[in-house]
Amino acid sequence: MKAVVLSADEKKEIRKVLEQEFESYRLYQLLIGSEGYIDQQPYMKSFCEGIDQAVCLLPAREKHLIIERYLNIESDYITDKDMYTYRMNPSISARTYSTYRDRAMVKLAIYLNIKLKSH
């Protein structure tokens, strides 16, 4: 079986789509249990469970990266540099971090059946 090779633009598009999904995830996590959103509760729970299940399929380092950087309630205040310098144990280079992040994002796009606009 031939490996899939994605262009930098395709990886960027995947990251952009998933970052929007992760933003929805964080919002839904805050709203689940709120009385004002009773009708949307089943959808929000299902959406979050789908993301959680996909992330659980990742290898440990990629899972840690995605949870800390994108799913954590503090995600808006964490930068990629914070991640590879302080939050990865042991710390890793920016290039290695990008490789892990891109690999995790591609896997999540596959697990979540995310379609690219360019395809």
Protein backbone atom coordinates (compact mmCIF):
# COMPACT_ATOMS: atom_id res chain seq x y z
CA MET A 1 0.00 0.00 0.00
CA LYS A 2 1.36 3.39 -0.99
CA ALA A 3 1.75 6.08 1.68
CA VAL A 4 -0.34 9.21 1.34
CA VAL A 5 1.76 12.31 0.80
CA LEU A 6 0.06 15.61 1.52
CA SER A 7 1.22 19.02 0.41
CA ALA A 8 1.97 21.78 2.90
CA ASP A 9 -1.26 23.51 1.79
CA GLU A 10 -3.31 20.36 2.44
CA LYS A 11 -1.78 19.98 5.91
CA LYS A 12 -2.53 23.64 6.60
CA GLU A 13 -6.14 23.17 5.47
CA ILE A 14 -6.52 20.12 7.72
CA ARG A 15 -5.09 22.07 10.66
CA LYS A 16 -7.46 24.98 10.01
CA VAL A 17 -10.54 22.74 9.84
CA LEU A 18 -9.53 20.81 12.96
CA GLU A 19 -8.76 23.98 14.90
CA GLN A 20 -12.34 25.07 14.22
CA GLU A 21 -13.59 21.67 15.40
CA PHE A 22 -11.47 21.97 18.54
CA GLU A 23 -12.88 25.43 19.21
CA SER A 24 -16.40 23.98 19.00
CA TYR A 25 -15.31 21.15 21.30
CA ARG A 26 -14.10 23.57 23.98
CA LEU A 27 -17.30 25.62 23.71
CA TYR A 28 -19.52 22.54 23.90
CA GLN A 29 -17.60 21.29 26.93
CA LEU A 30 -18.50 24.55 28.68
CA LEU A 31 -22.15 24.45 27.57
CA ILE A 32 -22.88 20.80 28.37
CA GLY A 33 -25.03 20.91 31.47
CA SER A 34 -26.12 24.51 30.93
CA GLU A 35 -29.86 24.92 31.23
CA GLY A 36 -30.08 27.27 28.25
CA TYR A 37 -28.89 24.60 25.84
CA ILE A 38 -31.04 21.60 26.76
CA ASP A 39 -32.17 20.92 23.17
CA GLN A 40 -28.57 20.83 21.87
CA GLN A 41 -27.19 18.65 24.69
CA PRO A 42 -27.35 15.32 22.80
CA TYR A 43 -25.58 16.80 19.76
CA MET A 44 -22.90 18.51 21.84
CA LYS A 45 -22.22 15.36 23.87
CA SER A 46 -22.03 13.23 20.74
CA PHE A 47 -19.70 15.71 19.04
CA CYS A 48 -17.35 15.81 22.04
CA GLU A 49 -17.39 12.02 22.41
CA GLY A 50 -16.44 11.65 18.74
CA ILE A 51 -13.44 13.97 19.20
CA ASP A 52 -12.45 12.19 22.44
CA GLN A 53 -12.62 8.76 20.78
CA ALA A 54 -10.53 9.89 17.81
CA VAL A 55 -7.90 11.47 20.06
CA CYS A 56 -7.69 8.26 22.13
CA LEU A 57 -6.56 6.42 18.99
CA LEU A 58 -3.42 8.56 18.71
CA PRO A 59 0.00 7.51 20.03
CA ALA A 60 0.80 8.91 23.48
CA ARG A 61 2.95 11.90 22.41
CA GLU A 62 0.51 12.98 19.71
CA LYS A 63 -2.43 12.53 22.09
CA HIS A 64 -0.68 14.66 24.72
CA LEU A 65 0.05 17.35 22.13
CA ILE A 66 -3.56 17.53 20.90
CA ILE A 67 -5.10 17.50 24.38
CA GLU A 68 -2.74 20.10 25.84
CA ARG A 69 -2.61 22.41 22.83
CA TYR A 70 -6.14 22.20 21.43
CA LEU A 71 -8.64 20.58 23.82
CA ASN A 72 -7.51 22.08 27.12
CA ILE A 73 -9.69 24.89 28.46
CA GLU A 74 -6.49 27.01 28.56
CA SER A 75 -5.77 26.33 24.86
CA ASP A 76 -6.32 29.93 23.81
CA TYR A 77 -3.35 30.91 25.97
CA ILE A 78 -0.95 28.14 24.97
CA THR A 79 1.31 28.65 21.97
CA ASP A 80 3.10 26.07 19.88
CA LYS A 81 6.37 27.37 21.33
CA ASP A 82 5.06 26.80 24.87
CA MET A 83 4.21 23.27 23.84
CA TYR A 84 7.54 22.19 22.38
CA THR A 85 9.63 24.10 24.92
CA TYR A 86 7.80 23.48 28.20
CA ARG A 87 4.88 21.09 27.86
CA MET A 88 6.47 18.23 25.93
CA ASN A 89 8.51 15.99 28.20
CA PRO A 90 11.29 15.98 27.27
CA SER A 91 11.18 19.22 25.31
CA ILE A 92 11.53 18.85 21.54
CA SER A 93 12.58 21.03 18.63
CA ALA A 94 10.10 23.17 16.71
CA ARG A 95 10.60 20.96 13.67
CA THR A 96 9.88 17.74 15.57
CA TYR A 97 6.84 19.38 17.16
CA SER A 98 5.53 20.35 13.70
CA THR A 99 6.04 16.79 12.51
CA TYR A 100 4.13 15.35 15.49
CA ARG A 101 1.36 17.94 15.16
CA ASP A 102 0.93 17.41 11.42
CA ARG A 103 0.95 13.63 11.82
CA ALA A 104 -1.67 13.82 14.58
CA MET A 105 -3.84 16.22 12.58
CA VAL A 106 -3.82 14.00 9.49
CA LYS A 107 -4.75 10.96 11.58
CA LEU A 108 -7.58 12.87 13.26
CA ALA A 109 -8.87 14.10 9.91
CA ILE A 110 -9.03 10.48 8.77
CA TYR A 111 -10.61 9.23 12.01
CA LEU A 112 -13.20 12.04 11.95
CA ASN A 113 -13.82 11.65 8.21
CA ILE A 114 -13.01 15.28 7.47
CA LYS A 115 -13.05 16.11 3.77
CA LEU A 116 -10.75 18.72 2.26
CA LYS A 117 -12.28 21.39 0.05
CA SER A 118 -9.40 21.00 -2.39
CA HIS A 119 -10.39 17.35 -3.09
